[in-house]
Amino acid sequence: MAITETSRHKLPLLAVSQAQKEITHNEALVRIDALLHPVVVDELSTPPAISDPEIGKCWLVGATPVGEWSGKAGQIAIWIGGGWRYCLAVDGMRIRLQSATSDRVRSGELWIAAPAIANPANGAVIDAEARSVLIALLDHLRAIGHIPV
C-alpha cells in the first residue's frame, strides 16, 4: 500500500509515475506556507467575504461553522483564490490570532487561549493575592506544556 500523504499535516506526496506532479507539489507548498508559523486573521463560523488578492490568508474555523465551512470546526481555513483549503490541527500546534493579538494552542479537540490574569491590586493580604495570580499563571503554563505538570 502506497503512502499518499504525510502523517502529521496530511501534505500530499508525489507518487512514482504520477502525471501533473506540479499540482500535488503546489498543494503541499500552499499548506506549508499556511502552517509554518501559522497566523490566522480571526476565529469565525461563517466564511468571510474575500477576494483573490487576499490569497494565503487564514482563519480559524469556529465551533459552529456554516456554509462552505460546515463540518470544519477547529480547522484552519486557507484562502487559495477561488476556494478554500482546510488543515487539521495537531495536538500542541500553536497559532497567532491577529484579531486578539494572542496565541492559541491546540489541546485535544480545543484551541486553548491564555487566561486573562488581573494584576494584583491593593488587597488586605498582598501575599495571598499575588500567590493566586502566580498559581493561575503556572496553571496556564502547565496546560500549554511550557512547564511540566
Protein backbone atom coordinates (compact mmCIF):
# COMPACT_ATOMS: atom_id res chain seq x y z
CA MET A 1 0.00 0.00 0.00
CA ALA A 2 1.50 3.31 -1.09
CA ILE A 3 1.66 6.22 1.33
CA THR A 4 0.00 9.23 -0.30
CA GLU A 5 0.30 11.89 2.42
CA THR A 6 2.42 12.88 5.37
CA SER A 7 1.20 11.64 8.74
CA ARG A 8 1.21 14.90 10.69
CA HIS A 9 -0.27 17.59 8.44
CA LYS A 10 -1.62 15.38 5.62
CA LEU A 11 0.56 17.04 2.98
CA PRO A 12 0.20 15.29 -0.39
CA LEU A 13 3.20 13.24 -1.51
CA LEU A 14 4.40 12.79 -5.06
CA ALA A 15 3.94 9.33 -6.50
CA VAL A 16 6.22 7.47 -8.89
CA SER A 17 5.00 7.91 -12.48
CA GLN A 18 2.44 10.49 -11.34
CA ALA A 19 1.14 12.80 -14.06
CA GLN A 20 0.95 16.54 -13.32
CA LYS A 21 3.19 16.37 -10.24
CA GLU A 22 3.19 20.15 -10.07
CA ILE A 23 -0.43 20.09 -8.83
CA THR A 24 0.46 17.86 -5.87
CA HIS A 25 3.64 19.81 -5.21
CA ASN A 26 1.85 23.17 -5.30
CA GLU A 27 -0.85 21.88 -2.93
CA ALA A 28 1.85 20.88 -0.44
CA LEU A 29 3.51 24.31 -0.75
CA VAL A 30 0.20 26.10 -0.05
CA ARG A 31 -0.26 24.10 3.15
CA ILE A 32 3.35 24.52 4.25
CA ASP A 33 3.08 28.27 3.67
CA ALA A 34 0.00 28.42 5.93
CA LEU A 35 1.27 26.08 8.63
CA LEU A 36 4.83 27.32 9.06
CA HIS A 37 4.45 29.79 11.97
CA PRO A 38 0.68 29.96 11.39
CA VAL A 39 -1.16 33.25 11.75
CA VAL A 40 -4.94 33.46 11.42
CA VAL A 41 -6.89 36.65 10.84
CA ASP A 42 -9.76 35.78 13.19
CA GLU A 43 -11.94 32.95 14.51
CA LEU A 44 -15.20 32.80 12.55
CA SER A 45 -18.02 30.34 11.96
CA THR A 46 -19.07 31.93 8.65
CA PRO A 47 -16.58 32.28 5.77
CA PRO A 48 -15.64 35.94 5.25
CA ALA A 49 -16.32 37.84 2.04
CA ILE A 50 -12.89 37.67 0.45
CA SER A 51 -11.25 38.28 -2.91
CA ASP A 52 -8.32 36.77 -4.77
CA PRO A 53 -5.76 39.42 -3.74
CA GLU A 54 -6.04 38.01 -0.21
CA ILE A 55 -4.63 34.62 -1.23
CA GLY A 56 -2.86 32.88 1.64
CA LYS A 57 -4.84 34.47 4.47
CA CYS A 58 -6.09 32.01 7.08
CA TRP A 59 -8.98 31.84 9.53
CA LEU A 60 -9.65 29.58 12.49
CA VAL A 61 -12.99 27.87 11.85
CA GLY A 62 -15.30 28.39 14.85
CA ALA A 63 -17.24 25.78 16.83
CA THR A 64 -20.47 26.01 14.78
CA PRO A 65 -19.42 26.55 11.17
CA VAL A 66 -21.91 27.14 8.37
CA GLY A 67 -21.81 27.36 4.59
CA GLU A 68 -18.60 26.27 2.92
CA TRP A 69 -17.03 25.75 6.35
CA SER A 70 -19.72 23.34 7.55
CA GLY A 71 -18.13 20.31 9.23
CA LYS A 72 -14.71 22.01 9.54
CA ALA A 73 -14.87 23.18 13.20
CA GLY A 74 -11.45 23.81 14.73
CA GLN A 75 -9.63 23.57 11.40
CA ILE A 76 -7.54 26.25 9.74
CA ALA A 77 -9.20 27.56 6.56
CA ILE A 78 -6.76 28.87 3.95
CA TRP A 79 -8.00 31.10 1.10
CA ILE A 80 -6.25 29.93 -2.08
CA GLY A 81 -8.07 32.19 -4.52
CA GLY A 82 -11.44 30.97 -5.72
CA GLY A 83 -11.75 28.43 -2.91
CA TRP A 84 -10.68 27.14 0.49
CA ARG A 85 -8.21 24.54 1.72
CA TYR A 86 -8.52 23.15 5.25
CA CYS A 87 -5.84 21.89 7.58
CA LEU A 88 -6.46 19.71 10.59
CA ALA A 89 -4.69 20.93 13.71
CA VAL A 90 -2.39 18.59 15.58
CA ASP A 91 -2.07 18.43 19.35
CA GLY A 92 0.41 21.04 20.59
CA MET A 93 0.12 23.24 17.48
CA ARG A 94 0.32 26.98 18.18
CA ILE A 95 -1.33 29.73 16.10
CA ARG A 96 -1.31 33.51 16.33
CA LEU A 97 -4.81 35.02 16.35
CA GLN A 98 -4.37 38.53 14.89
CA SER A 99 -7.78 39.84 15.98
CA ALA A 100 -6.99 39.16 19.65
CA THR A 101 -3.21 39.67 19.39
CA SER A 102 -2.76 36.42 21.29
CA ASP A 103 -1.76 32.83 20.73
CA ARG A 104 -3.85 29.68 20.90
CA VAL A 105 -2.54 26.17 21.50
CA ARG A 106 -4.28 23.01 20.29
CA SER A 107 -5.02 20.61 23.14
CA GLY A 108 -7.11 17.58 22.22
CA GLU A 109 -10.09 18.96 20.30
CA LEU A 110 -9.81 22.52 21.62
CA TRP A 111 -7.83 25.66 20.90
CA ILE A 112 -6.73 26.95 24.32
CA ALA A 113 -6.14 30.65 24.92
CA ALA A 114 -4.19 32.05 27.84
CA PRO A 115 -6.50 33.04 30.67
CA ALA A 116 -6.99 36.70 31.49
CA ILE A 117 -4.99 37.29 34.65
CA ALA A 118 -5.58 40.52 36.52
CA ASN A 119 -2.65 42.35 38.04
CA PRO A 120 -2.56 42.28 41.82
CA ALA A 121 -4.08 45.48 43.21
CA ASN A 122 -4.37 46.55 46.83
CA GLY A 123 -5.83 43.77 48.95
CA ALA A 124 -5.69 43.26 52.69
CA VAL A 125 -3.23 40.39 52.38
CA ILE A 126 -0.96 41.10 49.46
CA ASP A 127 0.83 37.74 49.58
CA ALA A 128 -2.42 35.77 49.13
CA GLU A 129 -3.46 37.86 46.14
CA ALA A 130 -0.05 37.62 44.49
CA ARG A 131 0.05 33.89 45.15
CA SER A 132 -3.31 33.31 43.39
CA VAL A 133 -2.11 35.24 40.31
CA LEU A 134 1.09 33.23 40.19
CA ILE A 135 -0.86 29.97 40.55
CA ALA A 136 -3.11 30.96 37.62
CA LEU A 137 -0.05 31.74 35.51
CA LEU A 138 1.62 28.44 36.43
CA ASP A 139 -1.60 26.51 35.70
CA HIS A 140 -1.71 28.07 32.24
CA LEU A 141 1.94 27.32 31.53
CA ARG A 142 1.31 23.69 32.54
CA ALA A 143 -1.84 23.46 30.38
CA ILE A 144 0.02 24.54 27.25
CA GLY A 145 3.02 22.38 28.01
CA HIS A 146 5.60 25.05 28.79
CA ILE A 147 6.31 23.58 32.20
CA PRO A 148 5.76 20.01 33.37
CA VAL A 149 2.67 19.05 35.32
